[in-house]
Structure formats: structure tokens, C-alpha cells
Amino acid sequence: MGKLSVYNQVKNRRASDEKVSVVFDKANWPPLAQTNLSPVIDVEHHSMILMQLDNGVQASYQQCHYTPDSHRNYTIIGTEGRIENQGDYSTDSHQAEVHLWTNRGDQHETIRIPSTPGTHGGADPEVVADFLRFLKTGHTHGASPLDARMSVATGVMATQSLRAGSQPYDVPAVAHRGNAH
């Protein structure tokens, strides 16, 4: 579920043919005071998805495009503990950490993530390099092409659900093709 309920209220819009540079600007706050927005705003800017995976794992994903912070936060909770990232390299603090809890106390392990050059804290060059490696060798150090397809298909079905009044949908399976010789 989700909706477009904030940016569509902003009245200051640019001309449809005016070119602008898209950059993150901390001064561009609060959301309703923004200026020079696109003349067309038709994408939901906050949403949530609840999922039941084929293996029985339940998961949720939330996003909000008008939050005051600029980083992504992921939390994974399981029967053996919890892991959560905090911070990123797009902020002035230049700190990113992963926190790992494996007991029921305040003690936890903190893993500092080293800064690497490139966009998205150095992740973009790694993703491109892994993709090129897959094209050349058929091997990947990250997600497989099927993983990537399932991720995109999940997003597509989540958007369809959101736009259909939160009706649940199944992500369609991949049609397997036999070997063509």
C-alpha cells in the first residue's frame, strides 16, 4: 500500500521543457516548501509491501521519498539474531556501519564499512563490474539474473497491488524453457 500525498500538493513547478539537474540537496526541505518540481508528479512517494516468500519467510519493505534523512536502512530479524545497517556515505558524516545482535542484551557487534570511491558509497562500480564479469564468464559474485528478475517482478506486482487498493498479488514464476540446440 502507499500513495502520492505530499509532492502532488507542491504548487511551484517548472516548465515542462525546462532542463534541470537532479541532485540531493539538504536545503531542499521541508517537502511542501520545495520549488521547481516537475510539472508531472504521478508516482507514489511512500509505500509498504508485505511479502510471503516461497520458502515461508515473511518480509516487509518500506520506502518514503520525503523523509528528512538521505540514507537507506535495512533490518533483518531472524531466530538467531538481528542485523541492521546505519548511515551511508552520502551524508557529511561519511560513516556506514552494520550492527549485529546475537543475544538478548544491549551488547552487539559493530562492523564499520570502509568508504570506497564511486556513487552510492562505491556500490555502483561494484554492481557494474559484477554484471560485466557475468557477461564474460557466466559467474557472478552477487545476485543472479533470476534474482534480479524476481526483484523487479516483485516491485511491479507491488505497484499493481498498491494501485488496485492493496489487493494481494503473486509474483509470477519464470517460465522455464528447454535447452534449444
C-alpha atoms as a PDB file:
ATOM      1  CA  MET A   1       0.000   0.000   0.000  1.00  0.00           C
ATOM      2  CA  GLY A   2       1.053   3.584  -0.417  1.00  0.00           C
ATOM      3  CA  LYS A   3       0.128   6.790  -2.185  1.00  0.00           C
ATOM      4  CA  LEU A   4       1.072  10.136  -3.606  1.00  0.00           C
ATOM      5  CA  SER A   5       0.019  12.610  -0.932  1.00  0.00           C
ATOM      6  CA  VAL A   6       2.771  15.209  -0.447  1.00  0.00           C
ATOM      7  CA  TYR A   7       4.651  16.225  -3.597  1.00  0.00           C
ATOM      8  CA  ASN A   8       1.449  16.481  -5.613  1.00  0.00           C
ATOM      9  CA  GLN A   9       0.490  19.351  -3.260  1.00  0.00           C
ATOM     10  CA  VAL A  10       3.577  21.430  -4.169  1.00  0.00           C
ATOM     11  CA  LYS A  11       2.456  24.283  -6.426  1.00  0.00           C
ATOM     12  CA  ASN A  12       5.846  25.577  -7.614  1.00  0.00           C
ATOM     13  CA  ARG A  13       6.520  23.600 -10.810  1.00  0.00           C
ATOM     14  CA  ARG A  14       8.947  24.199 -13.667  1.00  0.00           C
ATOM     15  CA  ALA A  15       8.001  24.456 -17.326  1.00  0.00           C
ATOM     16  CA  SER A  16       7.675  21.056 -18.996  1.00  0.00           C
ATOM     17  CA  ASP A  17      10.597  21.675 -21.377  1.00  0.00           C
ATOM     18  CA  GLU A  18      12.963  23.154 -18.782  1.00  0.00           C
ATOM     19  CA  LYS A  19      16.055  21.011 -18.148  1.00  0.00           C
ATOM     20  CA  VAL A  20      17.217  20.607 -14.556  1.00  0.00           C
ATOM     21  CA  SER A  21      19.970  18.751 -12.750  1.00  0.00           C
ATOM     22  CA  VAL A  22      18.781  16.120 -10.302  1.00  0.00           C
ATOM     23  CA  VAL A  23      20.927  16.211  -7.170  1.00  0.00           C
ATOM     24  CA  PHE A  24      20.388  15.636  -3.474  1.00  0.00           C
ATOM     25  CA  ASP A  25      20.276  18.996  -1.707  1.00  0.00           C
ATOM     26  CA  LYS A  26      19.924  19.170   2.082  1.00  0.00           C
ATOM     27  CA  ALA A  27      18.480  22.676   1.763  1.00  0.00           C
ATOM     28  CA  ASN A  28      15.588  21.259  -0.250  1.00  0.00           C
ATOM     29  CA  TRP A  29      13.409  20.873   2.844  1.00  0.00           C
ATOM     30  CA  PRO A  30      10.626  20.622   4.004  1.00  0.00           C
ATOM     31  CA  PRO A  31       8.861  18.783   1.187  1.00  0.00           C
ATOM     32  CA  LEU A  32       5.942  21.192   0.800  1.00  0.00           C
ATOM     33  CA  ALA A  33       8.322  24.175   0.518  1.00  0.00           C
ATOM     34  CA  GLN A  34      10.212  22.755  -2.451  1.00  0.00           C
ATOM     35  CA  THR A  35      10.371  24.669  -5.710  1.00  0.00           C
ATOM     36  CA  ASN A  36      10.903  23.962  -9.394  1.00  0.00           C
ATOM     37  CA  LEU A  37       9.381  20.465  -9.244  1.00  0.00           C
ATOM     38  CA  SER A  38       8.438  18.520 -12.338  1.00  0.00           C
ATOM     39  CA  PRO A  39       5.147  19.591 -13.910  1.00  0.00           C
ATOM     40  CA  VAL A  40       4.023  15.946 -13.755  1.00  0.00           C
ATOM     41  CA  ILE A  41       4.184  14.086 -10.447  1.00  0.00           C
ATOM     42  CA  ASP A  42       2.406  10.762 -10.740  1.00  0.00           C
ATOM     43  CA  VAL A  43       4.493   8.235  -8.813  1.00  0.00           C
ATOM     44  CA  GLU A  44       3.652   7.231  -5.256  1.00  0.00           C
ATOM     45  CA  HIS A  45       6.319   8.595  -2.929  1.00  0.00           C
ATOM     46  CA  HIS A  46       5.768   6.358   0.052  1.00  0.00           C
ATOM     47  CA  SER A  47       4.833   2.711   0.066  1.00  0.00           C
ATOM     48  CA  MET A  48       4.973  -0.537   2.009  1.00  0.00           C
ATOM     49  CA  ILE A  49       4.906  -4.132   0.862  1.00  0.00           C
ATOM     50  CA  LEU A  50       4.277  -7.232   2.981  1.00  0.00           C
ATOM     51  CA  MET A  51       5.584 -10.445   1.427  1.00  0.00           C
ATOM     52  CA  GLN A  52       5.343 -14.165   1.997  1.00  0.00           C
ATOM     53  CA  LEU A  53       8.243 -15.830   0.187  1.00  0.00           C
ATOM     54  CA  ASP A  54       8.041 -19.307  -1.343  1.00  0.00           C
ATOM     55  CA  ASN A  55      10.179 -20.703   1.489  1.00  0.00           C
ATOM     56  CA  GLY A  56       7.759 -19.376   4.141  1.00  0.00           C
ATOM     57  CA  VAL A  57       9.871 -16.376   5.168  1.00  0.00           C
ATOM     58  CA  GLN A  58       7.845 -13.229   5.732  1.00  0.00           C
ATOM     59  CA  ALA A  59       9.340  -9.852   4.843  1.00  0.00           C
ATOM     60  CA  SER A  60       8.365  -6.216   4.565  1.00  0.00           C
ATOM     61  CA  TYR A  61       9.802  -3.304   2.619  1.00  0.00           C
ATOM     62  CA  GLN A  62       9.020   0.361   3.117  1.00  0.00           C
ATOM     63  CA  GLN A  63      10.143   3.488   1.336  1.00  0.00           C
ATOM     64  CA  CYS A  64       9.500   7.181   1.838  1.00  0.00           C
ATOM     65  CA  HIS A  65      10.827   9.792  -0.574  1.00  0.00           C
ATOM     66  CA  TYR A  66      10.162  12.806   1.656  1.00  0.00           C
ATOM     67  CA  THR A  67      11.932  11.620   4.794  1.00  0.00           C
ATOM     68  CA  PRO A  68      14.349  14.140   6.360  1.00  0.00           C
ATOM     69  CA  ASP A  69      17.295  11.751   6.144  1.00  0.00           C
ATOM     70  CA  SER A  70      19.009  10.625   2.972  1.00  0.00           C
ATOM     71  CA  HIS A  71      20.093   7.075   3.646  1.00  0.00           C
ATOM     72  CA  ARG A  72      18.601   3.644   3.299  1.00  0.00           C
ATOM     73  CA  ASN A  73      18.151   1.432   6.325  1.00  0.00           C
ATOM     74  CA  TYR A  74      17.724  -2.337   6.216  1.00  0.00           C
ATOM     75  CA  THR A  75      16.919  -4.599   9.152  1.00  0.00           C
ATOM     76  CA  ILE A  76      16.845  -8.377   9.074  1.00  0.00           C
ATOM     77  CA  ILE A  77      15.469 -10.212  12.103  1.00  0.00           C
ATOM     78  CA  GLY A  78      15.657 -13.975  12.417  1.00  0.00           C
ATOM     79  CA  THR A  79      15.688 -16.702  15.019  1.00  0.00           C
ATOM     80  CA  GLU A  80      19.442 -16.299  15.589  1.00  0.00           C
ATOM     81  CA  GLY A  81      19.644 -12.511  15.823  1.00  0.00           C
ATOM     82  CA  ARG A  82      19.228  -9.184  14.115  1.00  0.00           C
ATOM     83  CA  ILE A  83      21.361  -7.242  11.632  1.00  0.00           C
ATOM     84  CA  GLU A  84      20.843  -3.604  10.687  1.00  0.00           C
ATOM     85  CA  ASN A  85      22.751  -1.029   8.681  1.00  0.00           C
ATOM     86  CA  GLN A  86      23.004   2.579   9.811  1.00  0.00           C
ATOM     87  CA  GLY A  87      24.343   5.567   7.918  1.00  0.00           C
ATOM     88  CA  ASP A  88      25.849   5.794   4.476  1.00  0.00           C
ATOM     89  CA  TYR A  89      28.458   7.729   2.560  1.00  0.00           C
ATOM     90  CA  SER A  90      26.145  10.331   1.025  1.00  0.00           C
ATOM     91  CA  THR A  91      25.999  12.220   4.323  1.00  0.00           C
ATOM     92  CA  ASP A  92      28.591  14.555   5.801  1.00  0.00           C
ATOM     93  CA  SER A  93      29.446  12.024   8.495  1.00  0.00           C
ATOM     94  CA  HIS A  94      30.814   9.552   5.935  1.00  0.00           C
ATOM     95  CA  GLN A  95      30.079   6.680   8.265  1.00  0.00           C
ATOM     96  CA  ALA A  96      28.345   3.459   7.499  1.00  0.00           C
ATOM     97  CA  GLU A  97      28.004   0.649   9.980  1.00  0.00           C
ATOM     98  CA  VAL A  98      26.368  -2.719  10.267  1.00  0.00           C
ATOM     99  CA  HIS A  99      25.169  -3.741  13.727  1.00  0.00           C
ATOM    100  CA  LEU A 100      24.800  -7.414  14.616  1.00  0.00           C
ATOM    101  CA  TRP A 101      22.877  -8.612  17.669  1.00  0.00           C
ATOM    102  CA  THR A 102      23.157 -12.287  18.591  1.00  0.00           C
ATOM    103  CA  ASN A 103      21.962 -12.192  22.183  1.00  0.00           C
ATOM    104  CA  ARG A 104      19.250 -10.580  24.288  1.00  0.00           C
ATOM    105  CA  GLY A 105      21.257  -7.735  25.705  1.00  0.00           C
ATOM    106  CA  ASP A 106      22.494  -4.355  24.685  1.00  0.00           C
ATOM    107  CA  GLN A 107      25.814  -5.807  23.568  1.00  0.00           C
ATOM    108  CA  HIS A 108      26.249  -6.165  19.868  1.00  0.00           C
ATOM    109  CA  GLU A 109      28.984  -6.231  17.271  1.00  0.00           C
ATOM    110  CA  THR A 110      29.539  -3.138  15.117  1.00  0.00           C
ATOM    111  CA  ILE A 111      31.170  -3.532  11.732  1.00  0.00           C
ATOM    112  CA  ARG A 112      32.385  -0.301  10.125  1.00  0.00           C
ATOM    113  CA  ILE A 113      32.083  -0.294   6.347  1.00  0.00           C
ATOM    114  CA  PRO A 114      35.095   1.254   4.612  1.00  0.00           C
ATOM    115  CA  SER A 115      34.456   4.075   2.168  1.00  0.00           C
ATOM    116  CA  THR A 116      35.177   3.234  -1.450  1.00  0.00           C
ATOM    117  CA  PRO A 117      35.131   5.577  -4.454  1.00  0.00           C
ATOM    118  CA  GLY A 118      32.101   5.754  -6.691  1.00  0.00           C
ATOM    119  CA  THR A 119      28.429   6.550  -6.459  1.00  0.00           C
ATOM    120  CA  HIS A 120      26.190   5.003  -3.817  1.00  0.00           C
ATOM    121  CA  GLY A 121      29.170   4.609  -1.490  1.00  0.00           C
ATOM    122  CA  GLY A 122      31.140   2.688  -4.104  1.00  0.00           C
ATOM    123  CA  ALA A 123      28.399   0.125  -4.721  1.00  0.00           C
ATOM    124  CA  ASP A 124      27.598   1.225  -8.289  1.00  0.00           C
ATOM    125  CA  PRO A 125      31.057   0.419  -9.728  1.00  0.00           C
ATOM    126  CA  GLU A 126      30.910  -2.978  -7.981  1.00  0.00           C
ATOM    127  CA  VAL A 127      27.488  -3.771  -9.467  1.00  0.00           C
ATOM    128  CA  VAL A 128      28.658  -2.812 -12.964  1.00  0.00           C
ATOM    129  CA  ALA A 129      31.865  -4.843 -12.588  1.00  0.00           C
ATOM    130  CA  ASP A 130      29.886  -7.880 -11.418  1.00  0.00           C
ATOM    131  CA  PHE A 131      27.481  -7.539 -14.356  1.00  0.00           C
ATOM    132  CA  LEU A 132      30.353  -7.343 -16.850  1.00  0.00           C
ATOM    133  CA  ARG A 133      32.016 -10.345 -15.174  1.00  0.00           C
ATOM    134  CA  PHE A 134      28.761 -12.296 -15.572  1.00  0.00           C
ATOM    135  CA  LEU A 135      28.563 -11.388 -19.268  1.00  0.00           C
ATOM    136  CA  LYS A 136      32.147 -12.555 -19.828  1.00  0.00           C
ATOM    137  CA  THR A 137      32.247 -15.637 -17.612  1.00  0.00           C
ATOM    138  CA  GLY A 138      28.699 -16.548 -16.645  1.00  0.00           C
ATOM    139  CA  HIS A 139      29.630 -16.204 -12.958  1.00  0.00           C
ATOM    140  CA  THR A 140      28.518 -13.539 -10.503  1.00  0.00           C
ATOM    141  CA  HIS A 141      29.598 -12.567  -7.006  1.00  0.00           C
ATOM    142  CA  GLY A 142      26.196 -11.029  -6.320  1.00  0.00           C
ATOM    143  CA  ALA A 143      22.643 -11.629  -7.406  1.00  0.00           C
ATOM    144  CA  SER A 144      21.914 -13.956 -10.288  1.00  0.00           C
ATOM    145  CA  PRO A 145      19.891 -12.842 -13.321  1.00  0.00           C
ATOM    146  CA  LEU A 146      16.950 -14.789 -11.849  1.00  0.00           C
ATOM    147  CA  ASP A 147      17.345 -12.943  -8.529  1.00  0.00           C
ATOM    148  CA  ALA A 148      17.323  -9.644 -10.412  1.00  0.00           C
ATOM    149  CA  ARG A 149      14.212 -10.646 -12.357  1.00  0.00           C
ATOM    150  CA  MET A 150      12.398 -11.629  -9.192  1.00  0.00           C
ATOM    151  CA  SER A 151      13.330  -8.323  -7.554  1.00  0.00           C
ATOM    152  CA  VAL A 152      11.955  -6.302 -10.477  1.00  0.00           C
ATOM    153  CA  ALA A 153       8.855  -8.524 -10.741  1.00  0.00           C
ATOM    154  CA  THR A 154       8.199  -8.024  -7.019  1.00  0.00           C
ATOM    155  CA  GLY A 155       8.330  -4.255  -7.496  1.00  0.00           C
ATOM    156  CA  VAL A 156       5.986  -4.443 -10.481  1.00  0.00           C
ATOM    157  CA  MET A 157       3.454  -6.575  -8.620  1.00  0.00           C
ATOM    158  CA  ALA A 158       3.716  -4.363  -5.514  1.00  0.00           C
ATOM    159  CA  THR A 159       2.917  -1.301  -7.624  1.00  0.00           C
ATOM    160  CA  GLN A 160      -0.027  -3.085  -9.230  1.00  0.00           C
ATOM    161  CA  SER A 161      -1.290  -4.043  -5.768  1.00  0.00           C
ATOM    162  CA  LEU A 162      -0.887  -0.502  -4.468  1.00  0.00           C
ATOM    163  CA  ARG A 163      -2.834   0.897  -7.428  1.00  0.00           C
ATOM    164  CA  ALA A 164      -5.562  -1.743  -7.022  1.00  0.00           C
ATOM    165  CA  GLY A 165      -6.437  -0.840  -3.439  1.00  0.00           C
ATOM    166  CA  SER A 166      -3.801  -3.084  -1.816  1.00  0.00           C
ATOM    167  CA  GLN A 167      -5.120  -6.254  -3.431  1.00  0.00           C
ATOM    168  CA  PRO A 168      -2.591  -9.072  -2.893  1.00  0.00           C
ATOM    169  CA  TYR A 169      -0.830 -10.464  -5.952  1.00  0.00           C
ATOM    170  CA  ASP A 170       1.526 -13.362  -6.533  1.00  0.00           C
ATOM    171  CA  VAL A 171       4.783 -12.722  -8.342  1.00  0.00           C
ATOM    172  CA  PRO A 172       4.561 -14.859 -11.489  1.00  0.00           C
ATOM    173  CA  ALA A 173       7.047 -17.696 -11.776  1.00  0.00           C
ATOM    174  CA  VAL A 174       9.619 -17.695 -14.541  1.00  0.00           C
ATOM    175  CA  ALA A 175       8.599 -19.814 -17.487  1.00  0.00           C
ATOM    176  CA  HIS A 176      11.373 -22.360 -17.897  1.00  0.00           C
ATOM    177  CA  ARG A 177      12.425 -23.132 -21.432  1.00  0.00           C
ATOM    178  CA  GLY A 178      14.056 -26.315 -22.514  1.00  0.00           C
ATOM    179  CA  ASN A 179      17.551 -26.324 -23.967  1.00  0.00           C
ATOM    180  CA  ALA A 180      17.481 -25.199 -27.573  1.00  0.00           C
ATOM    181  CA  HIS A 181      20.111 -26.938 -29.679  1.00  0.00           C
END
